[in-house]
Amino acid sequence: MAASPNPPPQASVRPTRRRAAGAGAVAAGAALAPLLRVPLPAALAADAPRFTTRLRRMPVLTKSRLRIPIVQADVPVVRGERTLMWTFGGTFPGPTIRRPAGSTTHVTFV
């Protein structure tokens, strides 16, 4: 069999965004691999103290125009202790805003 006069085209080795992103992901994975074997800090260990106060469900706001005050409040985060924090409407966590997808919602924080 005779050799073809025109060899097949070579694959492009020019840099592209896709190749750069792939190389970046490989480099990031290689850099983070040793960190994944580090023991967890004491605060994240299984014997660390747990929160004793359940996270409360907050009110659901559905209006298209909302005015929510930002106020300081003493909030019970851990049983027997209160924490002074800035809150939305005096509650922690703040209210849930539930609106239909694609609808416009105006929220004013005061």
PDB file of N, CA and C in Angstrom:
ATOM      1  N   MET A   1       0.841  -1.158   0.000  1.00  0.00           N
ATOM      2  CA  MET A   1       0.000   0.000   0.000  1.00  0.00           C
ATOM      3  C   MET A   1       0.887   1.222   0.000  1.00  0.00           C
ATOM      4  N   ALA A   2       0.589   2.164  -0.841  1.00  0.00           N
ATOM      5  CA  ALA A   2       1.393   3.374  -0.968  1.00  0.00           C
ATOM      6  C   ALA A   2       0.957   4.390   0.076  1.00  0.00           C
ATOM      7  N   ALA A   3       1.921   5.191   0.536  1.00  0.00           N
ATOM      8  CA  ALA A   3       1.632   6.235   1.523  1.00  0.00           C
ATOM      9  C   ALA A   3       0.812   7.325   0.882  1.00  0.00           C
ATOM     10  N   SER A   4      -0.097   7.869   1.617  1.00  0.00           N
ATOM     11  CA  SER A   4      -0.946   8.937   1.117  1.00  0.00           C
ATOM     12  C   SER A   4      -0.108  10.195   0.935  1.00  0.00           C
ATOM     13  N   PRO A   5      -0.312  10.935  -0.166  1.00  0.00           N
ATOM     14  CA  PRO A   5       0.477  12.154  -0.373  1.00  0.00           C
ATOM     15  C   PRO A   5       0.154  13.237   0.649  1.00  0.00           C
ATOM     16  N   ASN A   6      -1.053  13.243   1.205  1.00  0.00           N
ATOM     17  CA  ASN A   6      -1.447  14.247   2.210  1.00  0.00           C
ATOM     18  C   ASN A   6      -1.636  13.549   3.553  1.00  0.00           C
ATOM     19  N   PRO A   7      -0.749  13.772   4.518  1.00  0.00           N
ATOM     20  CA  PRO A   7      -0.932  13.124   5.827  1.00  0.00           C
ATOM     21  C   PRO A   7      -2.177  13.669   6.511  1.00  0.00           C
ATOM     22  N   PRO A   8      -2.767  12.888   7.426  1.00  0.00           N
ATOM     23  CA  PRO A   8      -3.971  13.363   8.129  1.00  0.00           C
ATOM     24  C   PRO A   8      -3.653  14.614   8.949  1.00  0.00           C
ATOM     25  N   PRO A   9      -4.628  15.503   9.107  1.00  0.00           N
ATOM     26  CA  PRO A   9      -4.368  16.734   9.868  1.00  0.00           C
ATOM     27  C   PRO A   9      -4.053  16.409  11.325  1.00  0.00           C
ATOM     28  N   GLN A  10      -3.140  17.160  11.887  1.00  0.00           N
ATOM     29  CA  GLN A  10      -2.764  17.005  13.286  1.00  0.00           C
ATOM     30  C   GLN A  10      -3.798  17.704  14.166  1.00  0.00           C
ATOM     31  N   ALA A  11      -4.018  17.186  15.353  1.00  0.00           N
ATOM     32  CA  ALA A  11      -4.924  17.838  16.302  1.00  0.00           C
ATOM     33  C   ALA A  11      -4.311  19.164  16.722  1.00  0.00           C
ATOM     34  N   SER A  12      -5.146  20.146  16.879  1.00  0.00           N
ATOM     35  CA  SER A  12      -4.675  21.475  17.277  1.00  0.00           C
ATOM     36  C   SER A  12      -4.149  21.432  18.711  1.00  0.00           C
ATOM     37  N   VAL A  13      -3.031  22.053  18.958  1.00  0.00           N
ATOM     38  CA  VAL A  13      -2.473  22.142  20.303  1.00  0.00           C
ATOM     39  C   VAL A  13      -2.526  23.578  20.806  1.00  0.00           C
ATOM     40  N   ARG A  14      -3.279  24.399  20.100  1.00  0.00           N
ATOM     41  CA  ARG A  14      -3.423  25.787  20.542  1.00  0.00           C
ATOM     42  C   ARG A  14      -4.193  25.829  21.848  1.00  0.00           C
ATOM     43  N   PRO A  15      -3.815  26.746  22.758  1.00  0.00           N
ATOM     44  CA  PRO A  15      -4.560  26.851  24.017  1.00  0.00           C
ATOM     45  C   PRO A  15      -5.973  27.370  23.768  1.00  0.00           C
ATOM     46  N   THR A  16      -6.920  26.785  24.466  1.00  0.00           N
ATOM     47  CA  THR A  16      -8.305  27.245  24.413  1.00  0.00           C
ATOM     48  C   THR A  16      -8.780  27.444  25.839  1.00  0.00           C
ATOM     49  N   ARG A  17      -9.897  28.117  25.996  1.00  0.00           N
ATOM     50  CA  ARG A  17     -10.448  28.317  27.343  1.00  0.00           C
ATOM     51  C   ARG A  17     -10.783  26.977  27.996  1.00  0.00           C
ATOM     52  N   ARG A  18     -11.302  26.056  27.204  1.00  0.00           N
ATOM     53  CA  ARG A  18     -11.666  24.750  27.745  1.00  0.00           C
ATOM     54  C   ARG A  18     -10.435  24.010  28.260  1.00  0.00           C
ATOM     55  N   ARG A  19      -9.339  24.034  27.495  1.00  0.00           N
ATOM     56  CA  ARG A  19      -8.108  23.371  27.945  1.00  0.00           C
ATOM     57  C   ARG A  19      -7.540  24.061  29.181  1.00  0.00           C
ATOM     58  N   ALA A  20      -7.594  25.402  29.209  1.00  0.00           N
ATOM     59  CA  ALA A  20      -7.071  26.144  30.363  1.00  0.00           C
ATOM     60  C   ALA A  20      -7.894  25.837  31.609  1.00  0.00           C
ATOM     61  N   ALA A  21      -9.217  25.765  31.461  1.00  0.00           N
ATOM     62  CA  ALA A  21     -10.074  25.455  32.609  1.00  0.00           C
ATOM     63  C   ALA A  21      -9.802  24.036  33.101  1.00  0.00           C
ATOM     64  N   GLY A  22      -9.639  23.107  32.191  1.00  0.00           N
ATOM     65  CA  GLY A  22      -9.336  21.733  32.578  1.00  0.00           C
ATOM     66  C   GLY A  22      -8.012  21.635  33.309  1.00  0.00           C
ATOM     67  N   ALA A  23      -7.001  22.333  32.793  1.00  0.00           N
ATOM     68  CA  ALA A  23      -5.694  22.322  33.453  1.00  0.00           C
ATOM     69  C   ALA A  23      -5.784  22.975  34.825  1.00  0.00           C
ATOM     70  N   GLY A  24      -6.564  24.040  34.935  1.00  0.00           N
ATOM     71  CA  GLY A  24      -6.732  24.706  36.224  1.00  0.00           C
ATOM     72  C   GLY A  24      -7.410  23.800  37.234  1.00  0.00           C
ATOM     73  N   ALA A  25      -8.406  23.041  36.784  1.00  0.00           N
ATOM     74  CA  ALA A  25      -9.105  22.121  37.686  1.00  0.00           C
ATOM     75  C   ALA A  25      -8.170  21.018  38.167  1.00  0.00           C
ATOM     76  N   VAL A  26      -7.331  20.512  37.272  1.00  0.00           N
ATOM     77  CA  VAL A  26      -6.373  19.472  37.657  1.00  0.00           C
ATOM     78  C   VAL A  26      -5.372  20.037  38.661  1.00  0.00           C
ATOM     79  N   ALA A  27      -4.882  21.256  38.394  1.00  0.00           N
ATOM     80  CA  ALA A  27      -3.912  21.878  39.309  1.00  0.00           C
ATOM     81  C   ALA A  27      -4.539  22.139  40.680  1.00  0.00           C
ATOM     82  N   ALA A  28      -5.784  22.607  40.706  1.00  0.00           N
ATOM     83  CA  ALA A  28      -6.450  22.878  41.977  1.00  0.00           C
ATOM     84  C   ALA A  28      -6.662  21.581  42.752  1.00  0.00           C
ATOM     85  N   GLY A  29      -7.063  20.529  42.063  1.00  0.00           N
ATOM     86  CA  GLY A  29      -7.248  19.243  42.725  1.00  0.00           C
ATOM     87  C   GLY A  29      -5.943  18.716  43.306  1.00  0.00           C
ATOM     88  N   ALA A  30      -4.855  18.867  42.548  1.00  0.00           N
ATOM     89  CA  ALA A  30      -3.554  18.409  43.033  1.00  0.00           C
ATOM     90  C   ALA A  30      -3.107  19.218  44.241  1.00  0.00           C
ATOM     91  N   ALA A  31      -3.405  20.522  44.234  1.00  0.00           N
ATOM     92  CA  ALA A  31      -2.993  21.379  45.350  1.00  0.00           C
ATOM     93  C   ALA A  31      -3.809  21.080  46.609  1.00  0.00           C
ATOM     94  N   LEU A  32      -5.074  20.715  46.450  1.00  0.00           N
ATOM     95  CA  LEU A  32      -5.939  20.468  47.600  1.00  0.00           C
ATOM     96  C   LEU A  32      -5.840  19.044  48.136  1.00  0.00           C
ATOM     97  N   ALA A  33      -5.323  18.123  47.352  1.00  0.00           N
ATOM     98  CA  ALA A  33      -5.279  16.718  47.764  1.00  0.00           C
ATOM     99  C   ALA A  33      -4.606  16.520  49.121  1.00  0.00           C
ATOM    100  N   PRO A  34      -3.441  17.126  49.387  1.00  0.00           N
ATOM    101  CA  PRO A  34      -2.826  16.904  50.702  1.00  0.00           C
ATOM    102  C   PRO A  34      -3.676  17.451  51.848  1.00  0.00           C
ATOM    103  N   LEU A  35      -4.428  18.508  51.610  1.00  0.00           N
ATOM    104  CA  LEU A  35      -5.239  19.109  52.668  1.00  0.00           C
ATOM    105  C   LEU A  35      -6.376  18.201  53.093  1.00  0.00           C
ATOM    106  N   LEU A  36      -6.837  17.355  52.222  1.00  0.00           N
ATOM    107  CA  LEU A  36      -7.965  16.484  52.542  1.00  0.00           C
ATOM    108  C   LEU A  36      -7.588  15.408  53.547  1.00  0.00           C
ATOM    109  N   ARG A  37      -6.301  15.193  53.746  1.00  0.00           N
ATOM    110  CA  ARG A  37      -5.856  14.166  54.688  1.00  0.00           C
ATOM    111  C   ARG A  37      -5.535  14.749  56.059  1.00  0.00           C
ATOM    112  N   VAL A  38      -5.715  16.058  56.234  1.00  0.00           N
ATOM    113  CA  VAL A  38      -5.419  16.714  57.501  1.00  0.00           C
ATOM    114  C   VAL A  38      -6.551  16.428  58.478  1.00  0.00           C
ATOM    115  N   PRO A  39      -6.253  16.090  59.744  1.00  0.00           N
ATOM    116  CA  PRO A  39      -7.328  15.845  60.715  1.00  0.00           C
ATOM    117  C   PRO A  39      -8.176  17.095  60.923  1.00  0.00           C
ATOM    118  N   LEU A  40      -9.438  16.897  61.226  1.00  0.00           N
ATOM    119  CA  LEU A  40     -10.337  18.021  61.459  1.00  0.00           C
ATOM    120  C   LEU A  40      -9.942  18.768  62.726  1.00  0.00           C
ATOM    121  N   PRO A  41     -10.125  20.098  62.739  1.00  0.00           N
ATOM    122  CA  PRO A  41      -9.879  20.843  63.969  1.00  0.00           C
ATOM    123  C   PRO A  41     -10.810  20.363  65.074  1.00  0.00           C
ATOM    124  N   ALA A  42     -10.447  20.630  66.306  1.00  0.00           N
ATOM    125  CA  ALA A  42     -11.235  20.155  67.457  1.00  0.00           C
ATOM    126  C   ALA A  42     -12.678  20.630  67.386  1.00  0.00           C
ATOM    127  N   ALA A  43     -12.898  21.837  66.861  1.00  0.00           N
ATOM    128  CA  ALA A  43     -14.261  22.380  66.803  1.00  0.00           C
ATOM    129  C   ALA A  43     -15.160  21.554  65.885  1.00  0.00           C
ATOM    130  N   LEU A  44     -14.572  20.815  64.941  1.00  0.00           N
ATOM    131  CA  LEU A  44     -15.369  20.022  64.011  1.00  0.00           C
ATOM    132  C   LEU A  44     -15.378  18.543  64.374  1.00  0.00           C
ATOM    133  N   ALA A  45     -14.704  18.175  65.425  1.00  0.00           N
ATOM    134  CA  ALA A  45     -14.628  16.766  65.828  1.00  0.00           C
ATOM    135  C   ALA A  45     -15.977  16.284  66.344  1.00  0.00           C
ATOM    136  N   ALA A  46     -16.151  14.975  66.383  1.00  0.00           N
ATOM    137  CA  ALA A  46     -17.432  14.385  66.780  1.00  0.00           C
ATOM    138  C   ALA A  46     -17.796  14.700  68.224  1.00  0.00           C
ATOM    139  N   ASP A  47     -16.794  14.914  69.100  1.00  0.00           N
ATOM    140  CA  ASP A  47     -17.089  15.162  70.514  1.00  0.00           C
ATOM    141  C   ASP A  47     -17.234  16.649  70.841  1.00  0.00           C
ATOM    142  N   ALA A  48     -17.270  17.502  69.809  1.00  0.00           N
ATOM    143  CA  ALA A  48     -17.424  18.940  70.026  1.00  0.00           C
ATOM    144  C   ALA A  48     -18.835  19.244  70.517  1.00  0.00           C
ATOM    145  N   PRO A  49     -19.008  20.301  71.328  1.00  0.00           N
ATOM    146  CA  PRO A  49     -20.352  20.645  71.804  1.00  0.00           C
ATOM    147  C   PRO A  49     -21.285  20.974  70.640  1.00  0.00           C
ATOM    148  N   ARG A  50     -22.535  20.648  70.800  1.00  0.00           N
ATOM    149  CA  ARG A  50     -23.538  20.882  69.755  1.00  0.00           C
ATOM    150  C   ARG A  50     -24.456  22.037  70.172  1.00  0.00           C
ATOM    151  N   PHE A  51     -25.088  22.665  69.180  1.00  0.00           N
ATOM    152  CA  PHE A  51     -26.093  23.667  69.487  1.00  0.00           C
ATOM    153  C   PHE A  51     -27.270  22.970  70.151  1.00  0.00           C
ATOM    154  N   THR A  52     -27.827  23.595  71.163  1.00  0.00           N
ATOM    155  CA  THR A  52     -28.946  22.977  71.873  1.00  0.00           C
ATOM    156  C   THR A  52     -30.273  23.623  71.530  1.00  0.00           C
ATOM    157  N   THR A  53     -30.257  24.780  70.886  1.00  0.00           N
ATOM    158  CA  THR A  53     -31.477  25.471  70.501  1.00  0.00           C
ATOM    159  C   THR A  53     -31.762  25.180  69.033  1.00  0.00           C
ATOM    160  N   ARG A  54     -32.951  24.685  68.748  1.00  0.00           N
ATOM    161  CA  ARG A  54     -33.322  24.375  67.360  1.00  0.00           C
ATOM    162  C   ARG A  54     -33.482  25.659  66.553  1.00  0.00           C
ATOM    163  N   LEU A  55     -33.155  25.602  65.278  1.00  0.00           N
ATOM    164  CA  LEU A  55     -33.346  26.733  64.378  1.00  0.00           C
ATOM    165  C   LEU A  55     -34.842  26.880  64.117  1.00  0.00           C
ATOM    166  N   ARG A  56     -35.367  28.064  64.415  1.00  0.00           N
ATOM    167  CA  ARG A  56     -36.809  28.289  64.285  1.00  0.00           C
ATOM    168  C   ARG A  56     -37.187  28.582  62.842  1.00  0.00           C
ATOM    169  N   ARG A  57     -38.413  28.270  62.504  1.00  0.00           N
ATOM    170  CA  ARG A  57     -38.944  28.646  61.193  1.00  0.00           C
ATOM    171  C   ARG A  57     -39.474  30.063  61.293  1.00  0.00           C
ATOM    172  N   MET A  58     -39.062  30.893  60.386  1.00  0.00           N
ATOM    173  CA  MET A  58     -39.437  32.304  60.424  1.00  0.00           C
ATOM    174  C   MET A  58     -40.660  32.553  59.548  1.00  0.00           C
ATOM    175  N   PRO A  59     -41.266  33.720  59.714  1.00  0.00           N
ATOM    176  CA  PRO A  59     -42.440  34.042  58.895  1.00  0.00           C
ATOM    177  C   PRO A  59     -42.071  34.083  57.410  1.00  0.00           C
ATOM    178  N   VAL A  60     -43.049  33.745  56.571  1.00  0.00           N
ATOM    179  CA  VAL A  60     -42.860  33.777  55.121  1.00  0.00           C
ATOM    180  C   VAL A  60     -43.537  35.036  54.589  1.00  0.00           C
ATOM    181  N   LEU A  61     -42.773  35.883  53.898  1.00  0.00           N
ATOM    182  CA  LEU A  61     -43.309  37.115  53.301  1.00  0.00           C
ATOM    183  C   LEU A  61     -43.523  36.879  51.816  1.00  0.00           C
ATOM    184  N   THR A  62     -44.691  37.302  51.289  1.00  0.00           N
ATOM    185  CA  THR A  62     -45.017  37.016  49.887  1.00  0.00           C
ATOM    186  C   THR A  62     -45.377  38.263  49.083  1.00  0.00           C
ATOM    187  N   LYS A  63     -45.366  39.433  49.692  1.00  0.00           N
ATOM    188  CA  LYS A  63     -45.758  40.654  48.975  1.00  0.00           C
ATOM    189  C   LYS A  63     -44.670  41.079  47.988  1.00  0.00           C
ATOM    190  N   SER A  64     -45.056  41.879  46.999  1.00  0.00           N
ATOM    191  CA  SER A  64     -44.092  42.333  45.992  1.00  0.00           C
ATOM    192  C   SER A  64     -43.277  43.529  46.483  1.00  0.00           C
ATOM    193  N   ARG A  65     -43.773  44.232  47.491  1.00  0.00           N
ATOM    194  CA  ARG A  65     -43.026  45.349  48.092  1.00  0.00           C
ATOM    195  C   ARG A  65     -42.911  45.096  49.584  1.00  0.00           C
ATOM    196  N   LEU A  66     -41.672  45.020  50.058  1.00  0.00           N
ATOM    197  CA  LEU A  66     -41.431  44.700  51.469  1.00  0.00           C
ATOM    198  C   LEU A  66     -40.564  45.772  52.104  1.00  0.00           C
ATOM    199  N   ARG A  67     -40.832  46.054  53.364  1.00  0.00           N
ATOM    200  CA  ARG A  67     -40.029  46.973  54.162  1.00  0.00           C
ATOM    201  C   ARG A  67     -39.634  46.209  55.420  1.00  0.00           C
ATOM    202  N   ILE A  68     -38.338  45.924  55.548  1.00  0.00           N
ATOM    203  CA  ILE A  68     -37.856  45.109  56.661  1.00  0.00           C
ATOM    204  C   ILE A  68     -36.890  45.939  57.493  1.00  0.00           C
ATOM    205  N   PRO A  69     -37.199  46.138  58.774  1.00  0.00           N
ATOM    206  CA  PRO A  69     -36.282  46.909  59.624  1.00  0.00           C
ATOM    207  C   PRO A  69     -35.081  46.056  60.045  1.00  0.00           C
ATOM    208  N   ILE A  70     -33.921  46.691  60.147  1.00  0.00           N
ATOM    209  CA  ILE A  70     -32.728  46.041  60.665  1.00  0.00           C
ATOM    210  C   ILE A  70     -32.537  46.569  62.075  1.00  0.00           C
ATOM    211  N   VAL A  71     -32.633  45.675  63.058  1.00  0.00           N
ATOM    212  CA  VAL A  71     -32.570  46.089  64.457  1.00  0.00           C
ATOM    213  C   VAL A  71     -31.646  45.166  65.242  1.00  0.00           C
ATOM    214  N   GLN A  72     -31.090  45.714  66.344  1.00  0.00           N
ATOM    215  CA  GLN A  72     -30.310  44.885  67.253  1.00  0.00           C
ATOM    216  C   GLN A  72     -31.278  44.126  68.142  1.00  0.00           C
ATOM    217  N   ALA A  73     -30.944  42.872  68.416  1.00  0.00           N
ATOM    218  CA  ALA A  73     -31.785  42.067  69.302  1.00  0.00           C
ATOM    219  C   ALA A  73     -30.913  41.070  70.046  1.00  0.00           C
ATOM    220  N   ASP A  74     -31.339  40.744  71.278  1.00  0.00           N
ATOM    221  CA  ASP A  74     -30.697  39.680  72.044  1.00  0.00           C
ATOM    222  C   ASP A  74     -31.350  38.376  71.616  1.00  0.00           C
ATOM    223  N   VAL A  75     -30.572  37.503  71.006  1.00  0.00           N
ATOM    224  CA  VAL A  75     -31.122  36.279  70.439  1.00  0.00           C
ATOM    225  C   VAL A  75     -30.556  35.064  71.177  1.00  0.00           C
ATOM    226  N   PRO A  76     -31.408  34.109  71.589  1.00  0.00           N
ATOM    227  CA  PRO A  76     -30.883  32.892  72.222  1.00  0.00           C
ATOM    228  C   PRO A  76     -30.331  31.954  71.151  1.00  0.00           C
ATOM    229  N   VAL A  77     -29.013  31.788  71.127  1.00  0.00           N
ATOM    230  CA  VAL A  77     -28.387  30.890  70.160  1.00  0.00           C
ATOM    231  C   VAL A  77     -28.003  29.582  70.846  1.00  0.00           C
ATOM    232  N   VAL A  78     -27.431  29.690  72.040  1.00  0.00           N
ATOM    233  CA  VAL A  78     -27.070  28.524  72.845  1.00  0.00           C
ATOM    234  C   VAL A  78     -27.895  28.597  74.121  1.00  0.00           C
ATOM    235  N   ARG A  79     -28.399  27.461  74.597  1.00  0.00           N
ATOM    236  CA  ARG A  79     -29.257  27.427  75.781  1.00  0.00           C
ATOM    237  C   ARG A  79     -28.592  28.151  76.955  1.00  0.00           C
ATOM    238  N   GLY A  80     -29.329  29.070  77.567  1.00  0.00           N
ATOM    239  CA  GLY A  80     -28.826  29.807  78.718  1.00  0.00           C
ATOM    240  C   GLY A  80     -27.994  31.026  78.355  1.00  0.00           C
ATOM    241  N   GLU A  81     -27.722  31.228  77.091  1.00  0.00           N
ATOM    242  CA  GLU A  81     -26.921  32.380  76.652  1.00  0.00           C
ATOM    243  C   GLU A  81     -27.716  33.171  75.614  1.00  0.00           C
ATOM    244  N   ARG A  82     -27.510  34.465  75.616  1.00  0.00           N
ATOM    245  CA  ARG A  82     -28.129  35.322  74.609  1.00  0.00           C
ATOM    246  C   ARG A  82     -27.006  36.049  73.875  1.00  0.00           C
ATOM    247  N   THR A  83     -27.196  36.279  72.591  1.00  0.00           N
ATOM    248  CA  THR A  83     -26.194  36.930  71.759  1.00  0.00           C
ATOM    249  C   THR A  83     -26.788  38.187  71.159  1.00  0.00           C
ATOM    250  N   LEU A  84     -26.121  39.323  71.346  1.00  0.00           N
ATOM    251  CA  LEU A  84     -26.570  40.575  70.742  1.00  0.00           C
ATOM    252  C   LEU A  84     -26.142  40.575  69.280  1.00  0.00           C
ATOM    253  N   MET A  85     -27.101  40.693  68.367  1.00  0.00           N
ATOM    254  CA  MET A  85     -26.766  40.685  66.936  1.00  0.00           C
ATOM    255  C   MET A  85     -27.722  41.576  66.159  1.00  0.00           C
ATOM    256  N   TRP A  86     -27.271  41.984  64.972  1.00  0.00           N
ATOM    257  CA  TRP A  86     -28.138  42.720  64.064  1.00  0.00           C
ATOM    258  C   TRP A  86     -29.043  41.714  63.382  1.00  0.00           C
ATOM    259  N   THR A  87     -30.336  42.018  63.340  1.00  0.00           N
ATOM    260  CA  THR A  87     -31.313  41.084  62.790  1.00  0.00           C
ATOM    261  C   THR A  87     -32.218  41.778  61.782  1.00  0.00           C
ATOM    262  N   PHE A  88     -32.903  40.978  60.990  1.00  0.00           N
ATOM    263  CA  PHE A  88     -33.909  41.488  60.063  1.00  0.00           C
ATOM    264  C   PHE A  88     -35.261  41.344  60.742  1.00  0.00           C
ATOM    265  N   GLY A  89     -35.826  42.466  61.158  1.00  0.00           N
ATOM    266  CA  GLY A  89     -37.127  42.449  61.822  1.00  0.00           C
ATOM    267  C   GLY A  89     -37.072  41.938  63.250  1.00  0.00           C
ATOM    268  N   GLY A  90     -35.893  41.873  63.856  1.00  0.00           N
ATOM    269  CA  GLY A  90     -35.774  41.429  65.235  1.00  0.00           C
ATOM    270  C   GLY A  90     -35.709  39.931  65.415  1.00  0.00           C
ATOM    271  N   THR A  91     -35.684  39.164  64.338  1.00  0.00           N
ATOM    272  CA  THR A  91     -35.646  37.711  64.437  1.00  0.00           C
ATOM    273  C   THR A  91     -34.372  37.162  63.807  1.00  0.00           C
ATOM    274  N   PHE A  92     -33.965  35.986  64.286  1.00  0.00           N
ATOM    275  CA  PHE A  92     -32.838  35.276  63.691  1.00  0.00           C
ATOM    276  C   PHE A  92     -33.245  33.838  63.498  1.00  0.00           C
ATOM    277  N   PRO A  93     -33.124  33.305  62.305  1.00  0.00           N
ATOM    278  CA  PRO A  93     -32.767  34.013  61.085  1.00  0.00           C
ATOM    279  C   PRO A  93     -33.902  34.930  60.660  1.00  0.00           C
ATOM    280  N   GLY A  94     -33.649  35.746  59.701  1.00  0.00           N
ATOM    281  CA  GLY A  94     -34.660  36.689  59.234  1.00  0.00           C
ATOM    282  C   GLY A  94     -35.799  35.981  58.509  1.00  0.00           C
ATOM    283  N   PRO A  95     -36.796  36.724  58.069  1.00  0.00           N
ATOM    284  CA  PRO A  95     -37.950  36.118  57.402  1.00  0.00           C
ATOM    285  C   PRO A  95     -37.566  35.495  56.059  1.00  0.00           C
ATOM    286  N   THR A  96     -38.385  34.545  55.624  1.00  0.00           N
ATOM    287  CA  THR A  96     -38.221  33.936  54.302  1.00  0.00           C
ATOM    288  C   THR A  96     -39.052  34.743  53.318  1.00  0.00           C
ATOM    289  N   ILE A  97     -38.455  35.108  52.199  1.00  0.00           N
ATOM    290  CA  ILE A  97     -39.195  35.831  51.156  1.00  0.00           C
ATOM    291  C   ILE A  97     -39.493  34.824  50.057  1.00  0.00           C
ATOM    292  N   ARG A  98     -40.779  34.566  49.814  1.00  0.00           N
ATOM    293  CA  ARG A  98     -41.180  33.595  48.802  1.00  0.00           C
ATOM    294  C   ARG A  98     -42.025  34.310  47.756  1.00  0.00           C
ATOM    295  N   ARG A  99     -41.511  34.321  46.518  1.00  0.00           N
ATOM    296  CA  ARG A  99     -42.205  34.995  45.413  1.00  0.00           C
ATOM    297  C   ARG A  99     -42.180  34.088  44.188  1.00  0.00           C
ATOM    298  N   PRO A 100     -43.152  34.254  43.280  1.00  0.00           N
ATOM    299  CA  PRO A 100     -43.150  33.447  42.056  1.00  0.00           C
ATOM    300  C   PRO A 100     -41.903  33.741  41.217  1.00  0.00           C
ATOM    301  N   ALA A 101     -41.388  32.723  40.559  1.00  0.00           N
ATOM    302  CA  ALA A 101     -40.216  32.895  39.695  1.00  0.00           C
ATOM    303  C   ALA A 101     -40.508  33.935  38.621  1.00  0.00           C
ATOM    304  N   GLY A 102     -39.558  34.817  38.391  1.00  0.00           N
ATOM    305  CA  GLY A 102     -39.696  35.841  37.355  1.00  0.00           C
ATOM    306  C   GLY A 102     -40.436  37.084  37.786  1.00  0.00           C
ATOM    307  N   SER A 103     -41.010  37.090  38.984  1.00  0.00           N
ATOM    308  CA  SER A 103     -41.746  38.278  39.433  1.00  0.00           C
ATOM    309  C   SER A 103     -40.770  39.275  40.066  1.00  0.00           C
ATOM    310  N   THR A 104     -41.133  40.536  40.012  1.00  0.00           N
ATOM    311  CA  THR A 104     -40.304  41.588  40.577  1.00  0.00           C
ATOM    312  C   THR A 104     -40.647  41.767  42.051  1.00  0.00           C
ATOM    313  N   THR A 105     -39.613  41.875  42.862  1.00  0.00           N
ATOM    314  CA  THR A 105     -39.796  42.084  44.295  1.00  0.00           C
ATOM    315  C   THR A 105     -38.920  43.245  44.728  1.00  0.00           C
ATOM    316  N   HIS A 106     -39.493  44.216  45.427  1.00  0.00           N
ATOM    317  CA  HIS A 106     -38.748  45.353  45.944  1.00  0.00           C
ATOM    318  C   HIS A 106     -38.654  45.213  47.461  1.00  0.00           C
ATOM    319  N   VAL A 107     -37.420  45.145  47.966  1.00  0.00           N
ATOM    320  CA  VAL A 107     -37.207  45.015  49.394  1.00  0.00           C
ATOM    321  C   VAL A 107     -36.437  46.242  49.856  1.00  0.00           C
ATOM    322  N   THR A 108     -36.970  46.937  50.864  1.00  0.00           N
ATOM    323  CA  THR A 108     -36.300  48.078  51.459  1.00  0.00           C
ATOM    324  C   THR A 108     -35.929  47.724  52.880  1.00  0.00           C
ATOM    325  N   PHE A 109     -34.623  47.801  53.189  1.00  0.00           N
ATOM    326  CA  PHE A 109     -34.151  47.561  54.545  1.00  0.00           C
ATOM    327  C   PHE A 109     -33.959  48.908  55.213  1.00  0.00           C
ATOM    328  N   VAL A 110     -34.544  49.108  56.401  1.00  0.00           N
ATOM    329  CA  VAL A 110     -34.443  50.386  57.103  1.00  0.00           C
ATOM    330  C   VAL A 110     -33.866  50.171  58.482  1.00  0.00           C
TER     331      VAL A 110
END
